[in-house]
Amino acid sequence: MAPDQRSKIEKVRYLHGLLREMKDIADSERMEFLSHLLEMAYVESGDILRADNQMKVVRT
């Protein structure tokens, strides 16, 4: 499936994984501020995924 055909949640799930990997790299290189920013984005993407899961539970 082409990236532009993926759903928003699939894209967020993909970014969530990438952000974790990038944060781990930043941590290993002791880039504290970059690591912090990546962690914030990681948490935000996790919040989006959790909200989506909660909406699915409410709908059923």
PDB file of N, CA and C in Angstrom:
ATOM      1  N   MET A   1       0.844  -1.177   0.000  1.00  0.00           N
ATOM      2  CA  MET A   1       0.000   0.000   0.000  1.00  0.00           C
ATOM      3  C   MET A   1       0.891   1.242   0.000  1.00  0.00           C
ATOM      4  N   ALA A   2       0.577   2.202  -0.829  1.00  0.00           N
ATOM      5  CA  ALA A   2       1.347   3.443  -0.913  1.00  0.00           C
ATOM      6  C   ALA A   2       1.143   4.252   0.367  1.00  0.00           C
ATOM      7  N   PRO A   3       2.190   4.966   0.820  1.00  0.00           N
ATOM      8  CA  PRO A   3       2.081   5.729   2.067  1.00  0.00           C
ATOM      9  C   PRO A   3       0.895   6.686   2.088  1.00  0.00           C
ATOM     10  N   ASP A   4       0.543   7.300   0.965  1.00  0.00           N
ATOM     11  CA  ASP A   4      -0.558   8.253   0.953  1.00  0.00           C
ATOM     12  C   ASP A   4      -1.916   7.566   1.058  1.00  0.00           C
ATOM     13  N   GLN A   5      -1.956   6.244   0.944  1.00  0.00           N
ATOM     14  CA  GLN A   5      -3.204   5.498   1.052  1.00  0.00           C
ATOM     15  C   GLN A   5      -3.408   4.917   2.447  1.00  0.00           C
ATOM     16  N   ARG A   6      -2.458   5.083   3.281  1.00  0.00           N
ATOM     17  CA  ARG A   6      -2.580   4.569   4.652  1.00  0.00           C
ATOM     18  C   ARG A   6      -3.489   5.475   5.476  1.00  0.00           C
ATOM     19  N   SER A   7      -4.113   4.894   6.469  1.00  0.00           N
ATOM     20  CA  SER A   7      -4.961   5.685   7.352  1.00  0.00           C
ATOM     21  C   SER A   7      -4.090   6.539   8.281  1.00  0.00           C
ATOM     22  N   LYS A   8      -4.718   7.533   8.856  1.00  0.00           N
ATOM     23  CA  LYS A   8      -4.013   8.406   9.795  1.00  0.00           C
ATOM     24  C   LYS A   8      -3.399   7.589  10.936  1.00  0.00           C
ATOM     25  N   ILE A   9      -4.153   6.653  11.478  1.00  0.00           N
ATOM     26  CA  ILE A   9      -3.670   5.863  12.612  1.00  0.00           C
ATOM     27  C   ILE A   9      -2.499   4.984  12.211  1.00  0.00           C
ATOM     28  N   GLU A  10      -2.523   4.417  11.019  1.00  0.00           N
ATOM     29  CA  GLU A  10      -1.377   3.629  10.553  1.00  0.00           C
ATOM     30  C   GLU A  10      -0.133   4.502  10.462  1.00  0.00           C
ATOM     31  N   LYS A  11      -0.308   5.729   9.990  1.00  0.00           N
ATOM     32  CA  LYS A  11       0.818   6.654   9.896  1.00  0.00           C
ATOM     33  C   LYS A  11       1.346   7.021  11.274  1.00  0.00           C
ATOM     34  N   VAL A  12       0.438   7.271  12.212  1.00  0.00           N
ATOM     35  CA  VAL A  12       0.862   7.613  13.576  1.00  0.00           C
ATOM     36  C   VAL A  12       1.576   6.437  14.219  1.00  0.00           C
ATOM     37  N   ARG A  13       1.056   5.223  13.997  1.00  0.00           N
ATOM     38  CA  ARG A  13       1.697   4.013  14.548  1.00  0.00           C
ATOM     39  C   ARG A  13       3.127   3.874  14.007  1.00  0.00           C
ATOM     40  N   TYR A  14       3.292   4.140  12.714  1.00  0.00           N
ATOM     41  CA  TYR A  14       4.613   4.075  12.084  1.00  0.00           C
ATOM     42  C   TYR A  14       5.550   5.134  12.680  1.00  0.00           C
ATOM     43  N   LEU A  15       5.061   6.358  12.791  1.00  0.00           N
ATOM     44  CA  LEU A  15       5.870   7.435  13.371  1.00  0.00           C
ATOM     45  C   LEU A  15       6.235   7.136  14.819  1.00  0.00           C
ATOM     46  N   HIS A  16       5.295   6.552  15.552  1.00  0.00           N
ATOM     47  CA  HIS A  16       5.535   6.210  16.959  1.00  0.00           C
ATOM     48  C   HIS A  16       6.767   5.310  17.090  1.00  0.00           C
ATOM     49  N   GLY A  17       6.850   4.307  16.234  1.00  0.00           N
ATOM     50  CA  GLY A  17       8.011   3.415  16.252  1.00  0.00           C
ATOM     51  C   GLY A  17       9.296   4.121  15.847  1.00  0.00           C
ATOM     52  N   LEU A  18       9.213   4.945  14.814  1.00  0.00           N
ATOM     53  CA  LEU A  18      10.405   5.693  14.379  1.00  0.00           C
ATOM     54  C   LEU A  18      10.901   6.639  15.461  1.00  0.00           C
ATOM     55  N   LEU A  19       9.973   7.309  16.111  1.00  0.00           N
ATOM     56  CA  LEU A  19      10.358   8.250  17.171  1.00  0.00           C
ATOM     57  C   LEU A  19      11.095   7.537  18.303  1.00  0.00           C
ATOM     58  N   ARG A  20      10.627   6.336  18.664  1.00  0.00           N
ATOM     59  CA  ARG A  20      11.299   5.563  19.716  1.00  0.00           C
ATOM     60  C   ARG A  20      12.725   5.228  19.298  1.00  0.00           C
ATOM     61  N   GLU A  21      12.887   4.796  18.057  1.00  0.00           N
ATOM     62  CA  GLU A  21      14.220   4.459  17.554  1.00  0.00           C
ATOM     63  C   GLU A  21      15.130   5.688  17.530  1.00  0.00           C
ATOM     64  N   MET A  22      14.609   6.811  17.065  1.00  0.00           N
ATOM     65  CA  MET A  22      15.423   8.029  17.012  1.00  0.00           C
ATOM     66  C   MET A  22      15.793   8.512  18.408  1.00  0.00           C
ATOM     67  N   LYS A  23      14.857   8.383  19.362  1.00  0.00           N
ATOM     68  CA  LYS A  23      15.166   8.772  20.734  1.00  0.00           C
ATOM     69  C   LYS A  23      16.280   7.898  21.299  1.00  0.00           C
ATOM     70  N   ASP A  24      16.210   6.606  21.027  1.00  0.00           N
ATOM     71  CA  ASP A  24      17.263   5.696  21.497  1.00  0.00           C
ATOM     72  C   ASP A  24      18.622   6.090  20.922  1.00  0.00           C
ATOM     73  N   ILE A  25      18.650   6.472  19.651  1.00  0.00           N
ATOM     74  CA  ILE A  25      19.909   6.917  19.033  1.00  0.00           C
ATOM     75  C   ILE A  25      20.401   8.195  19.703  1.00  0.00           C
ATOM     76  N   ALA A  26      19.490   9.156  19.896  1.00  0.00           N
ATOM     77  CA  ALA A  26      19.871  10.410  20.548  1.00  0.00           C
ATOM     78  C   ALA A  26      20.387  10.145  21.958  1.00  0.00           C
ATOM     79  N   ASP A  27      19.738   9.239  22.683  1.00  0.00           N
ATOM     80  CA  ASP A  27      20.205   8.879  24.032  1.00  0.00           C
ATOM     81  C   ASP A  27      21.614   8.293  23.989  1.00  0.00           C
ATOM     82  N   SER A  28      21.847   7.411  23.030  1.00  0.00           N
ATOM     83  CA  SER A  28      23.154   6.750  22.963  1.00  0.00           C
ATOM     84  C   SER A  28      24.276   7.733  22.637  1.00  0.00           C
ATOM     85  N   GLU A  29      23.927   8.828  21.987  1.00  0.00           N
ATOM     86  CA  GLU A  29      24.920   9.859  21.649  1.00  0.00           C
ATOM     87  C   GLU A  29      24.898  11.035  22.626  1.00  0.00           C
ATOM     88  N   ARG A  30      24.132  10.877  23.691  1.00  0.00           N
ATOM     89  CA  ARG A  30      24.021  11.891  24.752  1.00  0.00           C
ATOM     90  C   ARG A  30      23.582  13.260  24.226  1.00  0.00           C
ATOM     91  N   MET A  31      22.592  13.220  23.356  1.00  0.00           N
ATOM     92  CA  MET A  31      21.981  14.440  22.826  1.00  0.00           C
ATOM     93  C   MET A  31      20.717  14.698  23.643  1.00  0.00           C
ATOM     94  N   GLU A  32      20.896  15.263  24.841  1.00  0.00           N
ATOM     95  CA  GLU A  32      19.806  15.360  25.797  1.00  0.00           C
ATOM     96  C   GLU A  32      18.614  16.155  25.289  1.00  0.00           C
ATOM     97  N   PHE A  33      18.859  17.318  24.703  1.00  0.00           N
ATOM     98  CA  PHE A  33      17.738  18.145  24.268  1.00  0.00           C
ATOM     99  C   PHE A  33      16.992  17.493  23.110  1.00  0.00           C
ATOM    100  N   LEU A  34      17.711  16.959  22.145  1.00  0.00           N
ATOM    101  CA  LEU A  34      17.071  16.270  21.029  1.00  0.00           C
ATOM    102  C   LEU A  34      16.294  15.060  21.545  1.00  0.00           C
ATOM    103  N   SER A  35      16.869  14.333  22.466  1.00  0.00           N
ATOM    104  CA  SER A  35      16.193  13.185  23.062  1.00  0.00           C
ATOM    105  C   SER A  35      14.896  13.622  23.738  1.00  0.00           C
ATOM    106  N   HIS A  36      14.944  14.731  24.434  1.00  0.00           N
ATOM    107  CA  HIS A  36      13.755  15.260  25.114  1.00  0.00           C
ATOM    108  C   HIS A  36      12.657  15.604  24.098  1.00  0.00           C
ATOM    109  N   LEU A  37      13.025  16.280  23.010  1.00  0.00           N
ATOM    110  CA  LEU A  37      12.045  16.642  21.993  1.00  0.00           C
ATOM    111  C   LEU A  37      11.441  15.402  21.339  1.00  0.00           C
ATOM    112  N   LEU A  38      12.267  14.421  21.062  1.00  0.00           N
ATOM    113  CA  LEU A  38      11.775  13.180  20.472  1.00  0.00           C
ATOM    114  C   LEU A  38      10.860  12.444  21.447  1.00  0.00           C
ATOM    115  N   GLU A  39      11.191  12.479  22.721  1.00  0.00           N
ATOM    116  CA  GLU A  39      10.345  11.854  23.742  1.00  0.00           C
ATOM    117  C   GLU A  39       8.977  12.541  23.786  1.00  0.00           C
ATOM    118  N   MET A  40       8.958  13.857  23.693  1.00  0.00           N
ATOM    119  CA  MET A  40       7.687  14.583  23.695  1.00  0.00           C
ATOM    120  C   MET A  40       6.835  14.170  22.495  1.00  0.00           C
ATOM    121  N   ALA A  41       7.446  14.057  21.325  1.00  0.00           N
ATOM    122  CA  ALA A  41       6.722  13.642  20.124  1.00  0.00           C
ATOM    123  C   ALA A  41       6.254  12.191  20.259  1.00  0.00           C
ATOM    124  N   TYR A  42       7.084  11.352  20.862  1.00  0.00           N
ATOM    125  CA  TYR A  42       6.727   9.955  21.089  1.00  0.00           C
ATOM    126  C   TYR A  42       5.503   9.851  22.000  1.00  0.00           C
ATOM    127  N   VAL A  43       5.507  10.617  23.068  1.00  0.00           N
ATOM    128  CA  VAL A  43       4.380  10.614  24.009  1.00  0.00           C
ATOM    129  C   VAL A  43       3.117  11.118  23.309  1.00  0.00           C
ATOM    130  N   GLU A  44       3.242  12.183  22.541  1.00  0.00           N
ATOM    131  CA  GLU A  44       2.093  12.727  21.813  1.00  0.00           C
ATOM    132  C   GLU A  44       1.514  11.695  20.846  1.00  0.00           C
ATOM    133  N   SER A  45       2.371  11.007  20.112  1.00  0.00           N
ATOM    134  CA  SER A  45       1.869   9.997  19.181  1.00  0.00           C
ATOM    135  C   SER A  45       1.203   8.853  19.945  1.00  0.00           C
ATOM    136  N   GLY A  46       1.738   8.505  21.097  1.00  0.00           N
ATOM    137  CA  GLY A  46       1.109   7.485  21.936  1.00  0.00           C
ATOM    138  C   GLY A  46      -0.255   7.928  22.432  1.00  0.00           C
ATOM    139  N   ASP A  47      -0.379   9.205  22.765  1.00  0.00           N
ATOM    140  CA  ASP A  47      -1.672   9.746  23.194  1.00  0.00           C
ATOM    141  C   ASP A  47      -2.705   9.650  22.073  1.00  0.00           C
ATOM    142  N   ILE A  48      -2.284   9.943  20.843  1.00  0.00           N
ATOM    143  CA  ILE A  48      -3.187   9.847  19.694  1.00  0.00           C
ATOM    144  C   ILE A  48      -3.647   8.398  19.517  1.00  0.00           C
ATOM    145  N   LEU A  49      -2.727   7.459  19.637  1.00  0.00           N
ATOM    146  CA  LEU A  49      -3.082   6.047  19.489  1.00  0.00           C
ATOM    147  C   LEU A  49      -4.023   5.584  20.600  1.00  0.00           C
ATOM    148  N   ARG A  50      -3.769   6.014  21.835  1.00  0.00           N
ATOM    149  CA  ARG A  50      -4.640   5.636  22.945  1.00  0.00           C
ATOM    150  C   ARG A  50      -6.043   6.217  22.769  1.00  0.00           C
ATOM    151  N   ALA A  51      -6.122   7.479  22.330  1.00  0.00           N
ATOM    152  CA  ALA A  51      -7.426   8.105  22.112  1.00  0.00           C
ATOM    153  C   ALA A  51      -8.197   7.360  21.031  1.00  0.00           C
ATOM    154  N   ASP A  52      -7.508   6.937  19.993  1.00  0.00           N
ATOM    155  CA  ASP A  52      -8.160   6.187  18.918  1.00  0.00           C
ATOM    156  C   ASP A  52      -8.686   4.856  19.457  1.00  0.00           C
ATOM    157  N   ASN A  53      -7.895   4.185  20.278  1.00  0.00           N
ATOM    158  CA  ASN A  53      -8.329   2.903  20.855  1.00  0.00           C
ATOM    159  C   ASN A  53      -9.546   3.103  21.766  1.00  0.00           C
ATOM    160  N   GLN A  54      -9.555   4.196  22.522  1.00  0.00           N
ATOM    161  CA  GLN A  54     -10.684   4.474  23.405  1.00  0.00           C
ATOM    162  C   GLN A  54     -11.951   4.754  22.604  1.00  0.00           C
ATOM    163  N   MET A  55     -11.800   5.457  21.476  1.00  0.00           N
ATOM    164  CA  MET A  55     -12.954   5.733  20.623  1.00  0.00           C
ATOM    165  C   MET A  55     -13.513   4.436  20.049  1.00  0.00           C
ATOM    166  N   LYS A  56     -12.653   3.489  19.724  1.00  0.00           N
ATOM    167  CA  LYS A  56     -13.116   2.199  19.198  1.00  0.00           C
ATOM    168  C   LYS A  56     -13.899   1.436  20.269  1.00  0.00           C
ATOM    169  N   VAL A  57     -13.446   1.513  21.515  1.00  0.00           N
ATOM    170  CA  VAL A  57     -14.132   0.825  22.614  1.00  0.00           C
ATOM    171  C   VAL A  57     -15.489   1.462  22.842  1.00  0.00           C
ATOM    172  N   VAL A  58     -15.565   2.779  22.791  1.00  0.00           N
ATOM    173  CA  VAL A  58     -16.829   3.482  23.024  1.00  0.00           C
ATOM    174  C   VAL A  58     -17.837   3.146  21.925  1.00  0.00           C
ATOM    175  N   ARG A  59     -17.364   3.006  20.698  1.00  0.00           N
ATOM    176  CA  ARG A  59     -18.260   2.719  19.572  1.00  0.00           C
ATOM    177  C   ARG A  59     -18.851   1.321  19.618  1.00  0.00           C
ATOM    178  N   THR A  60     -18.179   0.389  20.307  1.00  0.00           N
ATOM    179  CA  THR A  60     -18.680  -0.995  20.319  1.00  0.00           C
ATOM    180  C   THR A  60     -19.597  -1.276  21.474  1.00  0.00           C
TER     181      THR A  60
END
